[in-house]
């Protein structure tokens, strides 16, 4: 089985990927709005407002042109990331939002890279996706908020380090779901050769998470 055939079986259609991106951004917008309320009065509250407003802009742009593409399937895929990683308190939810933004962007970028490799998106489509990615402003604000939280309560970072490690496992399962491989299913049962491709993808996917955790001085 050629790698092109394998990738073709693992990649989302451009419409499905766009619909997924719009739903992901909308969910992050809601999560950040909730965090702004939960941390009202905190020393880093302004940073959360910056993150919320930045993601809200991307979400609005994504929704404006999002195709109608099997909303139940798209919501289920979004929930595959959100539900297992949902935090038990506001600090866990803060780290989860930061890490899930990274997982979501990395996953979408991999799917986009495969679509480009297969020639399924033209330059206009590429530009459309690129305009909806690049969430650095929100991520920078979230990192600043987390670092401030760690300075003010030295017990928070150790607990969140464990939470970040747990989330990495759940996100890896989601990364496979993004490729159409459901939990409990061998990738090669979807198509022969898929395991090699998904293992390579997940290695990069989790390495990016490790870099994000290291930037917060959290052991990944």
C-alpha atoms as a PDB file:
ATOM      1  CA  UNK A   1       0.000   0.000   0.000  1.00  0.00           C
ATOM      2  CA  UNK A   2       1.539   3.319  -1.048  1.00  0.00           C
ATOM      3  CA  UNK A   3       1.900   6.104   1.498  1.00  0.00           C
ATOM      4  CA  UNK A   4      -0.369   8.242  -0.668  1.00  0.00           C
ATOM      5  CA  UNK A   5      -3.109   5.634  -0.400  1.00  0.00           C
ATOM      6  CA  UNK A   6      -2.629   5.433   3.362  1.00  0.00           C
ATOM      7  CA  UNK A   7      -2.726   9.179   3.863  1.00  0.00           C
ATOM      8  CA  UNK A   8      -5.792   9.401   1.627  1.00  0.00           C
ATOM      9  CA  UNK A   9      -7.582   7.043   4.021  1.00  0.00           C
ATOM     10  CA  UNK A  10      -6.583   9.057   7.097  1.00  0.00           C
ATOM     11  CA  UNK A  11      -7.232  12.606   5.937  1.00  0.00           C
ATOM     12  CA  UNK A  12     -10.445  14.592   6.339  1.00  0.00           C
ATOM     13  CA  UNK A  13     -12.094  16.332   3.415  1.00  0.00           C
ATOM     14  CA  UNK A  14     -11.429  20.091   3.201  1.00  0.00           C
ATOM     15  CA  UNK A  15     -15.061  20.807   4.113  1.00  0.00           C
ATOM     16  CA  UNK A  16     -14.971  18.475   7.120  1.00  0.00           C
ATOM     17  CA  UNK A  17     -11.675  19.963   8.301  1.00  0.00           C
ATOM     18  CA  UNK A  18     -13.063  23.505   7.984  1.00  0.00           C
ATOM     19  CA  UNK A  19     -16.235  22.572   9.862  1.00  0.00           C
ATOM     20  CA  UNK A  20     -14.145  20.899  12.557  1.00  0.00           C
ATOM     21  CA  UNK A  21     -11.921  23.949  12.910  1.00  0.00           C
ATOM     22  CA  UNK A  22     -14.951  26.215  13.305  1.00  0.00           C
ATOM     23  CA  UNK A  23     -16.406  23.945  15.994  1.00  0.00           C
ATOM     24  CA  UNK A  24     -13.078  23.678  17.827  1.00  0.00           C
ATOM     25  CA  UNK A  25     -12.632  27.437  17.863  1.00  0.00           C
ATOM     26  CA  UNK A  26     -16.180  27.975  19.074  1.00  0.00           C
ATOM     27  CA  UNK A  27     -15.599  25.536  21.924  1.00  0.00           C
ATOM     28  CA  UNK A  28     -12.367  27.303  22.900  1.00  0.00           C
ATOM     29  CA  UNK A  29     -14.148  30.637  22.792  1.00  0.00           C
ATOM     30  CA  UNK A  30     -16.746  29.294  25.246  1.00  0.00           C
ATOM     31  CA  UNK A  31     -14.086  27.746  27.490  1.00  0.00           C
ATOM     32  CA  UNK A  32     -12.121  30.987  27.648  1.00  0.00           C
ATOM     33  CA  UNK A  33     -15.254  33.026  28.368  1.00  0.00           C
ATOM     34  CA  UNK A  34     -15.938  30.683  31.296  1.00  0.00           C
ATOM     35  CA  UNK A  35     -12.356  31.058  32.555  1.00  0.00           C
ATOM     36  CA  UNK A  36     -12.642  34.845  32.443  1.00  0.00           C
ATOM     37  CA  UNK A  37     -15.594  34.516  34.807  1.00  0.00           C
ATOM     38  CA  UNK A  38     -13.936  31.928  37.043  1.00  0.00           C
ATOM     39  CA  UNK A  39     -10.797  34.031  37.455  1.00  0.00           C
ATOM     40  CA  UNK A  40     -12.533  37.387  37.768  1.00  0.00           C
ATOM     41  CA  UNK A  41     -10.391  39.547  40.041  1.00  0.00           C
ATOM     42  CA  UNK A  42      -7.246  37.431  39.627  1.00  0.00           C
ATOM     43  CA  UNK A  43      -3.951  39.238  38.994  1.00  0.00           C
ATOM     44  CA  UNK A  44      -3.821  37.677  35.515  1.00  0.00           C
ATOM     45  CA  UNK A  45      -7.476  38.242  34.608  1.00  0.00           C
ATOM     46  CA  UNK A  46      -6.529  40.672  31.846  1.00  0.00           C
ATOM     47  CA  UNK A  47      -4.434  37.988  30.150  1.00  0.00           C
ATOM     48  CA  UNK A  48      -7.463  35.715  29.978  1.00  0.00           C
ATOM     49  CA  UNK A  49      -9.499  38.477  28.374  1.00  0.00           C
ATOM     50  CA  UNK A  50      -6.791  38.874  25.725  1.00  0.00           C
ATOM     51  CA  UNK A  51      -6.879  35.126  25.042  1.00  0.00           C
ATOM     52  CA  UNK A  52     -10.677  35.050  24.899  1.00  0.00           C
ATOM     53  CA  UNK A  53     -10.928  37.991  22.531  1.00  0.00           C
ATOM     54  CA  UNK A  54      -8.202  36.644  20.255  1.00  0.00           C
ATOM     55  CA  UNK A  55      -9.841  33.235  19.887  1.00  0.00           C
ATOM     56  CA  UNK A  56     -13.281  34.864  19.529  1.00  0.00           C
ATOM     57  CA  UNK A  57     -11.997  36.657  16.438  1.00  0.00           C
ATOM     58  CA  UNK A  58     -10.778  33.423  14.865  1.00  0.00           C
ATOM     59  CA  UNK A  59     -14.003  31.631  15.818  1.00  0.00           C
ATOM     60  CA  UNK A  60     -16.203  34.273  14.230  1.00  0.00           C
ATOM     61  CA  UNK A  61     -14.179  34.156  11.017  1.00  0.00           C
ATOM     62  CA  UNK A  62     -14.312  30.353  10.928  1.00  0.00           C
ATOM     63  CA  UNK A  63     -18.068  30.241  11.513  1.00  0.00           C
ATOM     64  CA  UNK A  64     -18.728  32.848   8.827  1.00  0.00           C
ATOM     65  CA  UNK A  65     -17.610  30.498   6.049  1.00  0.00           C
ATOM     66  CA  UNK A  66     -17.910  27.070   7.659  1.00  0.00           C
ATOM     67  CA  UNK A  67     -19.678  24.543   5.438  1.00  0.00           C
ATOM     68  CA  UNK A  68     -22.592  22.485   6.711  1.00  0.00           C
ATOM     69  CA  UNK A  69     -20.844  19.141   7.106  1.00  0.00           C
ATOM     70  CA  UNK A  70     -22.431  16.402   9.256  1.00  0.00           C
ATOM     71  CA  UNK A  71     -22.596  18.459  12.465  1.00  0.00           C
ATOM     72  CA  UNK A  72     -23.082  15.405  14.694  1.00  0.00           C
ATOM     73  CA  UNK A  73     -19.855  13.813  13.485  1.00  0.00           C
ATOM     74  CA  UNK A  74     -17.958  17.084  13.857  1.00  0.00           C
ATOM     75  CA  UNK A  75     -19.265  17.698  17.387  1.00  0.00           C
ATOM     76  CA  UNK A  76     -18.396  14.112  18.333  1.00  0.00           C
ATOM     77  CA  UNK A  77     -14.831  14.630  17.148  1.00  0.00           C
ATOM     78  CA  UNK A  78     -14.521  17.886  19.104  1.00  0.00           C
ATOM     79  CA  UNK A  79     -15.927  16.169  22.195  1.00  0.00           C
ATOM     80  CA  UNK A  80     -13.343  13.428  21.735  1.00  0.00           C
ATOM     81  CA  UNK A  81     -10.749  15.994  22.768  1.00  0.00           C
ATOM     82  CA  UNK A  82     -12.753  18.150  25.165  1.00  0.00           C
ATOM     83  CA  UNK A  83     -14.574  15.613  27.304  1.00  0.00           C
ATOM     84  CA  UNK A  84     -11.681  13.390  28.484  1.00  0.00           C
ATOM     85  CA  UNK A  85      -9.470  16.403  29.207  1.00  0.00           C
ATOM     86  CA  UNK A  86     -12.054  18.501  31.011  1.00  0.00           C
ATOM     87  CA  UNK A  87     -10.512  19.812  34.225  1.00  0.00           C
ATOM     88  CA  UNK A  88     -11.880  19.227  37.704  1.00  0.00           C
ATOM     89  CA  UNK A  89     -11.170  22.794  38.840  1.00  0.00           C
ATOM     90  CA  UNK A  90     -10.411  26.156  37.286  1.00  0.00           C
ATOM     91  CA  UNK A  91      -6.624  25.680  37.270  1.00  0.00           C
ATOM     92  CA  UNK A  92      -6.857  22.348  35.487  1.00  0.00           C
ATOM     93  CA  UNK A  93      -9.270  23.922  33.018  1.00  0.00           C
ATOM     94  CA  UNK A  94      -6.797  26.751  32.438  1.00  0.00           C
ATOM     95  CA  UNK A  95      -3.974  24.349  31.573  1.00  0.00           C
ATOM     96  CA  UNK A  96      -6.324  22.175  29.522  1.00  0.00           C
ATOM     97  CA  UNK A  97      -7.359  25.144  27.387  1.00  0.00           C
ATOM     98  CA  UNK A  98      -3.733  26.029  26.726  1.00  0.00           C
ATOM     99  CA  UNK A  99      -2.724  22.452  25.890  1.00  0.00           C
ATOM    100  CA  UNK A 100      -5.858  21.674  23.870  1.00  0.00           C
ATOM    101  CA  UNK A 101      -5.393  24.782  21.756  1.00  0.00           C
ATOM    102  CA  UNK A 102      -1.978  23.380  20.905  1.00  0.00           C
ATOM    103  CA  UNK A 103      -3.274  19.874  20.225  1.00  0.00           C
ATOM    104  CA  UNK A 104      -6.074  21.213  18.035  1.00  0.00           C
ATOM    105  CA  UNK A 105      -3.839  23.472  15.971  1.00  0.00           C
ATOM    106  CA  UNK A 106      -1.176  20.797  15.543  1.00  0.00           C
ATOM    107  CA  UNK A 107      -3.781  18.248  14.489  1.00  0.00           C
ATOM    108  CA  UNK A 108      -5.440  20.563  11.997  1.00  0.00           C
ATOM    109  CA  UNK A 109      -2.076  21.576  10.557  1.00  0.00           C
ATOM    110  CA  UNK A 110      -1.145  17.920  10.020  1.00  0.00           C
ATOM    111  CA  UNK A 111      -4.420  17.289   8.235  1.00  0.00           C
ATOM    112  CA  UNK A 112      -3.872  20.395   6.106  1.00  0.00           C
ATOM    113  CA  UNK A 113      -0.335  19.263   5.275  1.00  0.00           C
ATOM    114  CA  UNK A 114      -1.714  15.929   4.065  1.00  0.00           C
ATOM    115  CA  UNK A 115      -4.411  17.634   1.984  1.00  0.00           C
ATOM    116  CA  UNK A 116      -1.758  19.780   0.320  1.00  0.00           C
ATOM    117  CA  UNK A 117       0.448  16.730  -0.265  1.00  0.00           C
ATOM    118  CA  UNK A 118      -2.466  14.944  -1.936  1.00  0.00           C
ATOM    119  CA  UNK A 119      -3.326  18.001  -4.030  1.00  0.00           C
ATOM    120  CA  UNK A 120      -6.847  18.248  -2.596  1.00  0.00           C
ATOM    121  CA  UNK A 121      -6.662  21.945  -1.715  1.00  0.00           C
ATOM    122  CA  UNK A 122      -5.628  24.788  -3.963  1.00  0.00           C
ATOM    123  CA  UNK A 123      -3.842  27.981  -2.919  1.00  0.00           C
ATOM    124  CA  UNK A 124      -7.137  29.700  -2.054  1.00  0.00           C
ATOM    125  CA  UNK A 125      -8.056  26.886   0.336  1.00  0.00           C
ATOM    126  CA  UNK A 126      -4.596  26.942   1.888  1.00  0.00           C
ATOM    127  CA  UNK A 127      -4.839  30.677   2.511  1.00  0.00           C
ATOM    128  CA  UNK A 128      -8.311  30.238   4.021  1.00  0.00           C
ATOM    129  CA  UNK A 129      -7.015  27.683   6.517  1.00  0.00           C
ATOM    130  CA  UNK A 130      -3.865  29.619   7.326  1.00  0.00           C
ATOM    131  CA  UNK A 131      -5.960  32.696   8.140  1.00  0.00           C
ATOM    132  CA  UNK A 132      -7.797  30.650  10.788  1.00  0.00           C
ATOM    133  CA  UNK A 133      -4.629  29.237  12.394  1.00  0.00           C
ATOM    134  CA  UNK A 134      -1.746  30.819  14.280  1.00  0.00           C
ATOM    135  CA  UNK A 135      -3.170  31.321  17.775  1.00  0.00           C
ATOM    136  CA  UNK A 136       0.052  32.714  19.247  1.00  0.00           C
ATOM    137  CA  UNK A 137      -1.505  35.784  20.864  1.00  0.00           C
ATOM    138  CA  UNK A 138      -3.952  33.664  22.845  1.00  0.00           C
ATOM    139  CA  UNK A 139      -1.296  31.128  23.760  1.00  0.00           C
ATOM    140  CA  UNK A 140       1.160  33.802  24.895  1.00  0.00           C
ATOM    141  CA  UNK A 141      -1.516  35.281  27.150  1.00  0.00           C
ATOM    142  CA  UNK A 142      -2.385  31.863  28.600  1.00  0.00           C
ATOM    143  CA  UNK A 143       1.266  31.079  29.313  1.00  0.00           C
ATOM    144  CA  UNK A 144       1.615  34.410  31.112  1.00  0.00           C
ATOM    145  CA  UNK A 145      -1.498  33.664  33.171  1.00  0.00           C
ATOM    146  CA  UNK A 146      -0.267  30.204  34.121  1.00  0.00           C
ATOM    147  CA  UNK A 147       3.172  31.460  35.110  1.00  0.00           C
ATOM    148  CA  UNK A 148       1.587  34.135  37.292  1.00  0.00           C
ATOM    149  CA  UNK A 149      -0.617  31.505  38.926  1.00  0.00           C
ATOM    150  CA  UNK A 150       2.459  29.399  39.676  1.00  0.00           C
ATOM    151  CA  UNK A 151       4.220  32.351  41.279  1.00  0.00           C
ATOM    152  CA  UNK A 152       1.279  33.063  43.531  1.00  0.00           C
ATOM    153  CA  UNK A 153       0.665  29.458  44.604  1.00  0.00           C
ATOM    154  CA  UNK A 154       3.685  27.152  44.515  1.00  0.00           C
ATOM    155  CA  UNK A 155       1.509  24.051  44.928  1.00  0.00           C
ATOM    156  CA  UNK A 156      -0.322  24.551  41.645  1.00  0.00           C
ATOM    157  CA  UNK A 157       2.474  23.696  39.223  1.00  0.00           C
ATOM    158  CA  UNK A 158       3.217  20.213  40.600  1.00  0.00           C
ATOM    159  CA  UNK A 159      -0.449  19.270  40.413  1.00  0.00           C
ATOM    160  CA  UNK A 160      -0.794  20.651  36.902  1.00  0.00           C
ATOM    161  CA  UNK A 161       2.324  18.797  35.748  1.00  0.00           C
ATOM    162  CA  UNK A 162       0.514  15.535  36.521  1.00  0.00           C
ATOM    163  CA  UNK A 163      -2.624  16.835  34.840  1.00  0.00           C
ATOM    164  CA  UNK A 164      -0.663  17.741  31.724  1.00  0.00           C
ATOM    165  CA  UNK A 165       0.805  14.237  31.531  1.00  0.00           C
ATOM    166  CA  UNK A 166      -2.655  12.706  31.828  1.00  0.00           C
ATOM    167  CA  UNK A 167      -4.005  14.971  29.098  1.00  0.00           C
ATOM    168  CA  UNK A 168      -1.225  13.919  26.747  1.00  0.00           C
ATOM    169  CA  UNK A 169      -2.530  10.343  26.766  1.00  0.00           C
ATOM    170  CA  UNK A 170      -6.106  11.421  26.099  1.00  0.00           C
ATOM    171  CA  UNK A 171      -4.974  13.777  23.350  1.00  0.00           C
ATOM    172  CA  UNK A 172      -3.016  10.981  21.666  1.00  0.00           C
ATOM    173  CA  UNK A 173      -6.227   8.947  21.492  1.00  0.00           C
ATOM    174  CA  UNK A 174      -7.913  11.992  19.950  1.00  0.00           C
ATOM    175  CA  UNK A 175      -5.093  12.388  17.433  1.00  0.00           C
ATOM    176  CA  UNK A 176      -5.848   8.887  16.187  1.00  0.00           C
ATOM    177  CA  UNK A 177      -9.577   9.663  16.085  1.00  0.00           C
ATOM    178  CA  UNK A 178      -8.755  12.687  13.954  1.00  0.00           C
ATOM    179  CA  UNK A 179      -7.291  10.213  11.482  1.00  0.00           C
ATOM    180  CA  UNK A 180     -10.413   8.047  11.581  1.00  0.00           C
ATOM    181  CA  UNK A 181      -8.994   5.446  13.989  1.00  0.00           C
ATOM    182  CA  UNK A 182     -11.433   4.864  16.814  1.00  0.00           C
ATOM    183  CA  UNK A 183     -10.305   3.786  20.298  1.00  0.00           C
ATOM    184  CA  UNK A 184      -9.624   0.061  20.467  1.00  0.00           C
ATOM    185  CA  UNK A 185      -9.025  -0.151  16.720  1.00  0.00           C
ATOM    186  CA  UNK A 186      -5.641  -0.975  15.196  1.00  0.00           C
ATOM    187  CA  UNK A 187      -4.611   1.616  12.646  1.00  0.00           C
ATOM    188  CA  UNK A 188      -3.636  -1.131  10.201  1.00  0.00           C
ATOM    189  CA  UNK A 189      -7.183  -2.484  10.442  1.00  0.00           C
ATOM    190  CA  UNK A 190      -8.339   0.782   8.872  1.00  0.00           C
ATOM    191  CA  UNK A 191      -5.778   0.467   6.100  1.00  0.00           C
ATOM    192  CA  UNK A 192      -2.512  -1.436   5.916  1.00  0.00           C
ATOM    193  CA  UNK A 193       0.399   0.881   6.629  1.00  0.00           C
ATOM    194  CA  UNK A 194      -1.627   3.337   8.723  1.00  0.00           C
ATOM    195  CA  UNK A 195       0.159   2.460  11.960  1.00  0.00           C
ATOM    196  CA  UNK A 196       3.499   3.683  10.668  1.00  0.00           C
ATOM    197  CA  UNK A 197       1.985   6.964   9.476  1.00  0.00           C
ATOM    198  CA  UNK A 198       0.021   7.629  12.662  1.00  0.00           C
ATOM    199  CA  UNK A 199       2.956   6.751  14.930  1.00  0.00           C
ATOM    200  CA  UNK A 200       5.089   9.318  13.100  1.00  0.00           C
ATOM    201  CA  UNK A 201       2.319  11.921  13.381  1.00  0.00           C
ATOM    202  CA  UNK A 202       1.791  11.266  17.099  1.00  0.00           C
ATOM    203  CA  UNK A 203       5.515  11.480  17.799  1.00  0.00           C
ATOM    204  CA  UNK A 204       5.509  15.059  16.488  1.00  0.00           C
ATOM    205  CA  UNK A 205       2.139  15.767  18.117  1.00  0.00           C
ATOM    206  CA  UNK A 206       3.349  14.784  21.593  1.00  0.00           C
ATOM    207  CA  UNK A 207       6.763  16.401  21.138  1.00  0.00           C
ATOM    208  CA  UNK A 208       5.009  19.716  20.600  1.00  0.00           C
ATOM    209  CA  UNK A 209       3.063  19.157  23.817  1.00  0.00           C
ATOM    210  CA  UNK A 210       6.328  18.447  25.661  1.00  0.00           C
ATOM    211  CA  UNK A 211       7.753  21.730  24.396  1.00  0.00           C
ATOM    212  CA  UNK A 212       4.693  23.595  25.643  1.00  0.00           C
ATOM    213  CA  UNK A 213       4.938  21.962  29.057  1.00  0.00           C
ATOM    214  CA  UNK A 214       8.696  22.616  29.244  1.00  0.00           C
ATOM    215  CA  UNK A 215       8.051  26.294  28.500  1.00  0.00           C
ATOM    216  CA  UNK A 216       5.977  26.318  31.691  1.00  0.00           C
ATOM    217  CA  UNK A 217       8.666  24.391  33.588  1.00  0.00           C
ATOM    218  CA  UNK A 218       6.243  21.463  33.868  1.00  0.00           C
ATOM    219  CA  UNK A 219       7.607  17.958  33.344  1.00  0.00           C
ATOM    220  CA  UNK A 220       5.738  16.555  30.343  1.00  0.00           C
END
